[in-house]
Amino acid sequence: MDDIKETVRTAGVGLSRSISSLTIRLGDTQLTGENDARTTVNIVLPVLLSKGVMSNISDVQRVSLDVVMKLAKVRP
């Protein structure tokens, strides 16, 4: 997402959208079993908070916060 070449940035944005969408679906207990959703959140949340939110790149921070907020909404 933070690259000089436009094609690389575009591919990075597309990848981040796909991974974000998949992560949110896997973390939603209505779409995924309770244990699998809990495992997903337990793996992803620490990475989003420590690496994503704390990143120097504003786009990475924004995407990370967006995923964290959406995961919080789908969790009971």
PDB file of N, CA and C in Angstrom:
ATOM      1  N   MET A   1       0.811  -1.188   0.000  1.00  0.00           N
ATOM      2  CA  MET A   1       0.000   0.000   0.000  1.00  0.00           C
ATOM      3  C   MET A   1       0.856   1.255   0.000  1.00  0.00           C
ATOM      4  N   ASP A   2       2.058   1.134   0.456  1.00  0.00           N
ATOM      5  CA  ASP A   2       2.960   2.287   0.510  1.00  0.00           C
ATOM      6  C   ASP A   2       4.147   2.009  -0.403  1.00  0.00           C
ATOM      7  N   ASP A   3       3.944   2.211  -1.698  1.00  0.00           N
ATOM      8  CA  ASP A   3       4.986   1.923  -2.667  1.00  0.00           C
ATOM      9  C   ASP A   3       5.003   3.036  -3.702  1.00  0.00           C
ATOM     10  N   ILE A   4       6.115   3.177  -4.369  1.00  0.00           N
ATOM     11  CA  ILE A   4       6.263   4.219  -5.382  1.00  0.00           C
ATOM     12  C   ILE A   4       5.441   3.886  -6.625  1.00  0.00           C
ATOM     13  N   LYS A   5       5.424   2.612  -7.001  1.00  0.00           N
ATOM     14  CA  LYS A   5       4.717   2.208  -8.218  1.00  0.00           C
ATOM     15  C   LYS A   5       3.216   2.129  -7.976  1.00  0.00           C
ATOM     16  N   GLU A   6       2.476   2.739  -8.859  1.00  0.00           N
ATOM     17  CA  GLU A   6       1.014   2.762  -8.760  1.00  0.00           C
ATOM     18  C   GLU A   6       0.422   1.355  -8.836  1.00  0.00           C
ATOM     19  N   THR A   7       0.965   0.508  -9.703  1.00  0.00           N
ATOM     20  CA  THR A   7       0.425  -0.846  -9.837  1.00  0.00           C
ATOM     21  C   THR A   7       0.591  -1.651  -8.551  1.00  0.00           C
ATOM     22  N   VAL A   8       1.688  -1.458  -7.870  1.00  0.00           N
ATOM     23  CA  VAL A   8       1.921  -2.167  -6.604  1.00  0.00           C
ATOM     24  C   VAL A   8       0.969  -1.646  -5.542  1.00  0.00           C
ATOM     25  N   ARG A   9       0.766  -0.339  -5.475  1.00  0.00           N
ATOM     26  CA  ARG A   9      -0.183   0.241  -4.515  1.00  0.00           C
ATOM     27  C   ARG A   9      -1.590  -0.266  -4.764  1.00  0.00           C
ATOM     28  N   THR A  10      -1.987  -0.299  -6.023  1.00  0.00           N
ATOM     29  CA  THR A  10      -3.327  -0.762  -6.376  1.00  0.00           C
ATOM     30  C   THR A  10      -3.514  -2.221  -5.973  1.00  0.00           C
ATOM     31  N   ALA A  11      -2.524  -3.042  -6.243  1.00  0.00           N
ATOM     32  CA  ALA A  11      -2.604  -4.449  -5.854  1.00  0.00           C
ATOM     33  C   ALA A  11      -2.653  -4.591  -4.333  1.00  0.00           C
ATOM     34  N   GLY A  12      -1.895  -3.779  -3.616  1.00  0.00           N
ATOM     35  CA  GLY A  12      -1.889  -3.810  -2.153  1.00  0.00           C
ATOM     36  C   GLY A  12      -3.234  -3.428  -1.568  1.00  0.00           C
ATOM     37  N   VAL A  13      -3.872  -2.442  -2.145  1.00  0.00           N
ATOM     38  CA  VAL A  13      -5.197  -2.022  -1.680  1.00  0.00           C
ATOM     39  C   VAL A  13      -6.218  -3.137  -1.918  1.00  0.00           C
ATOM     40  N   GLY A  14      -6.162  -3.741  -3.077  1.00  0.00           N
ATOM     41  CA  GLY A  14      -7.071  -4.855  -3.375  1.00  0.00           C
ATOM     42  C   GLY A  14      -6.867  -6.028  -2.437  1.00  0.00           C
ATOM     43  N   LEU A  15      -5.619  -6.347  -2.159  1.00  0.00           N
ATOM     44  CA  LEU A  15      -5.305  -7.432  -1.234  1.00  0.00           C
ATOM     45  C   LEU A  15      -5.794  -7.110   0.173  1.00  0.00           C
ATOM     46  N   SER A  16      -5.585  -5.881   0.606  1.00  0.00           N
ATOM     47  CA  SER A  16      -6.027  -5.514   1.957  1.00  0.00           C
ATOM     48  C   SER A  16      -7.550  -5.578   2.074  1.00  0.00           C
ATOM     49  N   ARG A  17      -8.270  -5.215   1.036  1.00  0.00           N
ATOM     50  CA  ARG A  17      -9.734  -5.336   1.048  1.00  0.00           C
ATOM     51  C   ARG A  17     -10.161  -6.791   1.167  1.00  0.00           C
ATOM     52  N   SER A  18      -9.532  -7.657   0.393  1.00  0.00           N
ATOM     53  CA  SER A  18      -9.879  -9.078   0.425  1.00  0.00           C
ATOM     54  C   SER A  18      -9.590  -9.689   1.787  1.00  0.00           C
ATOM     55  N   ILE A  19      -8.423  -9.404   2.329  1.00  0.00           N
ATOM     56  CA  ILE A  19      -8.047  -9.961   3.628  1.00  0.00           C
ATOM     57  C   ILE A  19      -8.929  -9.388   4.730  1.00  0.00           C
ATOM     58  N   SER A  20      -9.239  -8.116   4.655  1.00  0.00           N
ATOM     59  CA  SER A  20     -10.116  -7.497   5.651  1.00  0.00           C
ATOM     60  C   SER A  20     -11.492  -8.147   5.633  1.00  0.00           C
ATOM     61  N   SER A  21     -12.050  -8.305   4.452  1.00  0.00           N
ATOM     62  CA  SER A  21     -13.374  -8.915   4.312  1.00  0.00           C
ATOM     63  C   SER A  21     -13.381 -10.346   4.850  1.00  0.00           C
ATOM     64  N   LEU A  22     -12.370 -11.113   4.486  1.00  0.00           N
ATOM     65  CA  LEU A  22     -12.279 -12.492   4.958  1.00  0.00           C
ATOM     66  C   LEU A  22     -12.132 -12.544   6.478  1.00  0.00           C
ATOM     67  N   THR A  23     -11.321 -11.674   7.027  1.00  0.00           N
ATOM     68  CA  THR A  23     -11.103 -11.641   8.475  1.00  0.00           C
ATOM     69  C   THR A  23     -12.397 -11.320   9.214  1.00  0.00           C
ATOM     70  N   ILE A  24     -13.147 -10.364   8.707  1.00  0.00           N
ATOM     71  CA  ILE A  24     -14.404  -9.980   9.346  1.00  0.00           C
ATOM     72  C   ILE A  24     -15.409 -11.127   9.262  1.00  0.00           C
ATOM     73  N   ARG A  25     -15.484 -11.791   8.125  1.00  0.00           N
ATOM     74  CA  ARG A  25     -16.396 -12.935   7.995  1.00  0.00           C
ATOM     75  C   ARG A  25     -15.993 -14.070   8.923  1.00  0.00           C
ATOM     76  N   LEU A  26     -14.685 -14.341   9.019  1.00  0.00           N
ATOM     77  CA  LEU A  26     -14.222 -15.413   9.903  1.00  0.00           C
ATOM     78  C   LEU A  26     -14.403 -15.069  11.372  1.00  0.00           C
ATOM     79  N   GLY A  27     -14.438 -13.786  11.706  1.00  0.00           N
ATOM     80  CA  GLY A  27     -14.625 -13.362  13.086  1.00  0.00           C
ATOM     81  C   GLY A  27     -16.079 -13.210  13.496  1.00  0.00           C
ATOM     82  N   ASP A  28     -16.989 -13.344  12.542  1.00  0.00           N
ATOM     83  CA  ASP A  28     -18.418 -13.193  12.810  1.00  0.00           C
ATOM     84  C   ASP A  28     -19.005 -14.535  13.227  1.00  0.00           C
ATOM     85  N   THR A  29     -19.534 -14.600  14.444  1.00  0.00           N
ATOM     86  CA  THR A  29     -20.061 -15.866  14.961  1.00  0.00           C
ATOM     87  C   THR A  29     -21.327 -16.318  14.249  1.00  0.00           C
ATOM     88  N   GLN A  30     -21.989 -15.438  13.513  1.00  0.00           N
ATOM     89  CA  GLN A  30     -23.164 -15.851  12.746  1.00  0.00           C
ATOM     90  C   GLN A  30     -22.780 -16.498  11.421  1.00  0.00           C
ATOM     91  N   LEU A  31     -21.548 -16.273  10.986  1.00  0.00           N
ATOM     92  CA  LEU A  31     -21.082 -16.851   9.727  1.00  0.00           C
ATOM     93  C   LEU A  31     -20.078 -17.973   9.941  1.00  0.00           C
ATOM     94  N   THR A  32     -19.453 -17.995  11.105  1.00  0.00           N
ATOM     95  CA  THR A  32     -18.406 -18.957  11.423  1.00  0.00           C
ATOM     96  C   THR A  32     -18.709 -19.534  12.799  1.00  0.00           C
ATOM     97  N   GLY A  33     -18.324 -20.759  13.033  1.00  0.00           N
ATOM     98  CA  GLY A  33     -18.537 -21.364  14.341  1.00  0.00           C
ATOM     99  C   GLY A  33     -17.884 -20.550  15.451  1.00  0.00           C
ATOM    100  N   GLU A  34     -18.467 -20.654  16.647  1.00  0.00           N
ATOM    101  CA  GLU A  34     -17.980 -19.868  17.791  1.00  0.00           C
ATOM    102  C   GLU A  34     -16.494 -20.071  18.045  1.00  0.00           C
ATOM    103  N   ASN A  35     -16.031 -21.307  18.070  1.00  0.00           N
ATOM    104  CA  ASN A  35     -14.613 -21.580  18.346  1.00  0.00           C
ATOM    105  C   ASN A  35     -13.698 -21.037  17.255  1.00  0.00           C
ATOM    106  N   ASP A  36     -14.099 -21.207  16.002  1.00  0.00           N
ATOM    107  CA  ASP A  36     -13.283 -20.706  14.891  1.00  0.00           C
ATOM    108  C   ASP A  36     -13.250 -19.178  14.879  1.00  0.00           C
ATOM    109  N   ALA A  37     -14.390 -18.549  15.172  1.00  0.00           N
ATOM    110  CA  ALA A  37     -14.432 -17.084  15.218  1.00  0.00           C
ATOM    111  C   ALA A  37     -13.539 -16.577  16.346  1.00  0.00           C
ATOM    112  N   ARG A  38     -13.599 -17.230  17.484  1.00  0.00           N
ATOM    113  CA  ARG A  38     -12.762 -16.817  18.620  1.00  0.00           C
ATOM    114  C   ARG A  38     -11.281 -16.986  18.285  1.00  0.00           C
ATOM    115  N   THR A  39     -10.935 -18.091  17.645  1.00  0.00           N
ATOM    116  CA  THR A  39      -9.548 -18.325  17.249  1.00  0.00           C
ATOM    117  C   THR A  39      -9.078 -17.251  16.275  1.00  0.00           C
ATOM    118  N   THR A  40      -9.919 -16.922  15.306  1.00  0.00           N
ATOM    119  CA  THR A  40      -9.579 -15.881  14.336  1.00  0.00           C
ATOM    120  C   THR A  40      -9.288 -14.558  15.034  1.00  0.00           C
ATOM    121  N   VAL A  41     -10.176 -14.139  15.915  1.00  0.00           N
ATOM    122  CA  VAL A  41     -10.003 -12.863  16.612  1.00  0.00           C
ATOM    123  C   VAL A  41      -8.762 -12.905  17.496  1.00  0.00           C
ATOM    124  N   ASN A  42      -8.533 -14.024  18.173  1.00  0.00           N
ATOM    125  CA  ASN A  42      -7.359 -14.142  19.044  1.00  0.00           C
ATOM    126  C   ASN A  42      -6.048 -14.055  18.275  1.00  0.00           C
ATOM    127  N   ILE A  43      -6.051 -14.478  17.037  1.00  0.00           N
ATOM    128  CA  ILE A  43      -4.844 -14.407  16.211  1.00  0.00           C
ATOM    129  C   ILE A  43      -4.683 -13.025  15.585  1.00  0.00           C
ATOM    130  N   VAL A  44      -5.758 -12.488  15.036  1.00  0.00           N
ATOM    131  CA  VAL A  44      -5.697 -11.272  14.236  1.00  0.00           C
ATOM    132  C   VAL A  44      -5.641  -9.998  15.073  1.00  0.00           C
ATOM    133  N   LEU A  45      -6.394  -9.943  16.150  1.00  0.00           N
ATOM    134  CA  LEU A  45      -6.493  -8.710  16.931  1.00  0.00           C
ATOM    135  C   LEU A  45      -5.147  -8.209  17.458  1.00  0.00           C
ATOM    136  N   PRO A  46      -4.304  -9.060  18.052  1.00  0.00           N
ATOM    137  CA  PRO A  46      -3.007  -8.552  18.513  1.00  0.00           C
ATOM    138  C   PRO A  46      -2.144  -7.977  17.382  1.00  0.00           C
ATOM    139  N   VAL A  47      -2.204  -8.593  16.213  1.00  0.00           N
ATOM    140  CA  VAL A  47      -1.417  -8.103  15.074  1.00  0.00           C
ATOM    141  C   VAL A  47      -1.955  -6.754  14.595  1.00  0.00           C
ATOM    142  N   LEU A  48      -3.280  -6.648  14.500  1.00  0.00           N
ATOM    143  CA  LEU A  48      -3.875  -5.377  14.067  1.00  0.00           C
ATOM    144  C   LEU A  48      -3.533  -4.248  15.028  1.00  0.00           C
ATOM    145  N   LEU A  49      -3.574  -4.536  16.317  1.00  0.00           N
ATOM    146  CA  LEU A  49      -3.324  -3.490  17.308  1.00  0.00           C
ATOM    147  C   LEU A  49      -1.847  -3.135  17.426  1.00  0.00           C
ATOM    148  N   SER A  50      -0.980  -4.129  17.377  1.00  0.00           N
ATOM    149  CA  SER A  50       0.450  -3.842  17.586  1.00  0.00           C
ATOM    150  C   SER A  50       1.169  -3.398  16.313  1.00  0.00           C
ATOM    151  N   LYS A  51       0.819  -3.970  15.192  1.00  0.00           N
ATOM    152  CA  LYS A  51       1.500  -3.640  13.935  1.00  0.00           C
ATOM    153  C   LYS A  51       0.702  -2.668  13.073  1.00  0.00           C
ATOM    154  N   GLY A  52      -0.595  -2.914  12.934  1.00  0.00           N
ATOM    155  CA  GLY A  52      -1.411  -2.092  12.042  1.00  0.00           C
ATOM    156  C   GLY A  52      -1.688  -0.707  12.575  1.00  0.00           C
ATOM    157  N   VAL A  53      -2.243  -0.641  13.773  1.00  0.00           N
ATOM    158  CA  VAL A  53      -2.597   0.648  14.351  1.00  0.00           C
ATOM    159  C   VAL A  53      -1.356   1.472  14.662  1.00  0.00           C
ATOM    160  N   MET A  54      -0.276   0.822  15.012  1.00  0.00           N
ATOM    161  CA  MET A  54       0.951   1.517  15.373  1.00  0.00           C
ATOM    162  C   MET A  54       1.863   1.796  14.172  1.00  0.00           C
ATOM    163  N   SER A  55       1.413   1.448  12.971  1.00  0.00           N
ATOM    164  CA  SER A  55       2.203   1.649  11.759  1.00  0.00           C
ATOM    165  C   SER A  55       2.422   3.136  11.482  1.00  0.00           C
ATOM    166  N   ASN A  56       3.500   3.440  10.792  1.00  0.00           N
ATOM    167  CA  ASN A  56       3.790   4.814  10.369  1.00  0.00           C
ATOM    168  C   ASN A  56       3.010   5.196   9.114  1.00  0.00           C
ATOM    169  N   ILE A  57       2.397   4.219   8.480  1.00  0.00           N
ATOM    170  CA  ILE A  57       1.686   4.438   7.222  1.00  0.00           C
ATOM    171  C   ILE A  57       0.204   4.661   7.527  1.00  0.00           C
ATOM    172  N   SER A  58      -0.301   5.816   7.152  1.00  0.00           N
ATOM    173  CA  SER A  58      -1.678   6.175   7.509  1.00  0.00           C
ATOM    174  C   SER A  58      -2.718   5.235   6.904  1.00  0.00           C
ATOM    175  N   ASP A  59      -2.481   4.751   5.680  1.00  0.00           N
ATOM    176  CA  ASP A  59      -3.429   3.819   5.066  1.00  0.00           C
ATOM    177  C   ASP A  59      -3.507   2.514   5.848  1.00  0.00           C
ATOM    178  N   VAL A  60      -2.381   2.045   6.334  1.00  0.00           N
ATOM    179  CA  VAL A  60      -2.350   0.809   7.128  1.00  0.00           C
ATOM    180  C   VAL A  60      -3.081   1.037   8.452  1.00  0.00           C
ATOM    181  N   GLN A  61      -2.868   2.182   9.070  1.00  0.00           N
ATOM    182  CA  GLN A  61      -3.574   2.504  10.314  1.00  0.00           C
ATOM    183  C   GLN A  61      -5.079   2.527  10.093  1.00  0.00           C
ATOM    184  N   ARG A  62      -5.487   3.157   9.007  1.00  0.00           N
ATOM    185  CA  ARG A  62      -6.919   3.288   8.701  1.00  0.00           C
ATOM    186  C   ARG A  62      -7.570   1.928   8.478  1.00  0.00           C
ATOM    187  N   VAL A  63      -6.941   1.089   7.675  1.00  0.00           N
ATOM    188  CA  VAL A  63      -7.487  -0.240   7.401  1.00  0.00           C
ATOM    189  C   VAL A  63      -7.535  -1.066   8.686  1.00  0.00           C
ATOM    190  N   SER A  64      -6.492  -0.998   9.485  1.00  0.00           N
ATOM    191  CA  SER A  64      -6.440  -1.759  10.732  1.00  0.00           C
ATOM    192  C   SER A  64      -7.547  -1.339  11.687  1.00  0.00           C
ATOM    193  N   LEU A  65      -7.730  -0.036  11.861  1.00  0.00           N
ATOM    194  CA  LEU A  65      -8.795   0.453  12.733  1.00  0.00           C
ATOM    195  C   LEU A  65     -10.170   0.068  12.207  1.00  0.00           C
ATOM    196  N   ASP A  66     -10.342   0.113  10.905  1.00  0.00           N
ATOM    197  CA  ASP A  66     -11.613  -0.268  10.294  1.00  0.00           C
ATOM    198  C   ASP A  66     -11.932  -1.730  10.598  1.00  0.00           C
ATOM    199  N   VAL A  67     -10.953  -2.601  10.452  1.00  0.00           N
ATOM    200  CA  VAL A  67     -11.173  -4.028  10.726  1.00  0.00           C
ATOM    201  C   VAL A  67     -11.452  -4.260  12.207  1.00  0.00           C
ATOM    202  N   VAL A  68     -10.713  -3.588  13.081  1.00  0.00           N
ATOM    203  CA  VAL A  68     -10.939  -3.733  14.520  1.00  0.00           C
ATOM    204  C   VAL A  68     -12.361  -3.302  14.876  1.00  0.00           C
ATOM    205  N   MET A  69     -12.815  -2.178  14.332  1.00  0.00           N
ATOM    206  CA  MET A  69     -14.171  -1.703  14.623  1.00  0.00           C
ATOM    207  C   MET A  69     -15.229  -2.659  14.092  1.00  0.00           C
ATOM    208  N   LYS A  70     -15.017  -3.190  12.909  1.00  0.00           N
ATOM    209  CA  LYS A  70     -15.990  -4.123  12.344  1.00  0.00           C
ATOM    210  C   LYS A  70     -16.003  -5.440  13.108  1.00  0.00           C
ATOM    211  N   LEU A  71     -14.848  -5.894  13.564  1.00  0.00           N
ATOM    212  CA  LEU A  71     -14.812  -7.101  14.386  1.00  0.00           C
ATOM    213  C   LEU A  71     -15.543  -6.869  15.711  1.00  0.00           C
ATOM    214  N   ALA A  72     -15.413  -5.681  16.265  1.00  0.00           N
ATOM    215  CA  ALA A  72     -16.102  -5.368  17.515  1.00  0.00           C
ATOM    216  C   ALA A  72     -17.623  -5.376  17.301  1.00  0.00           C
ATOM    217  N   LYS A  73     -18.084  -4.973  16.149  1.00  0.00           N
ATOM    218  CA  LYS A  73     -19.515  -4.950  15.869  1.00  0.00           C
ATOM    219  C   LYS A  73     -20.095  -6.347  15.676  1.00  0.00           C
ATOM    220  N   VAL A  74     -19.332  -7.263  15.120  1.00  0.00           N
ATOM    221  CA  VAL A  74     -19.882  -8.599  14.839  1.00  0.00           C
ATOM    222  C   VAL A  74     -19.724  -9.552  16.019  1.00  0.00           C
ATOM    223  N   ARG A  75     -18.956  -9.170  17.030  1.00  0.00           N
ATOM    224  CA  ARG A  75     -18.770  -9.992  18.214  1.00  0.00           C
ATOM    225  C   ARG A  75     -19.937  -9.776  19.168  1.00  0.00           C
ATOM    226  N   PRO A  76     -20.513 -10.833  19.735  1.00  0.00           N
ATOM    227  CA  PRO A  76     -21.651 -10.668  20.657  1.00  0.00           C
ATOM    228  C   PRO A  76     -21.240 -10.001  21.959  1.00  0.00           C
TER     229      PRO A  76
END
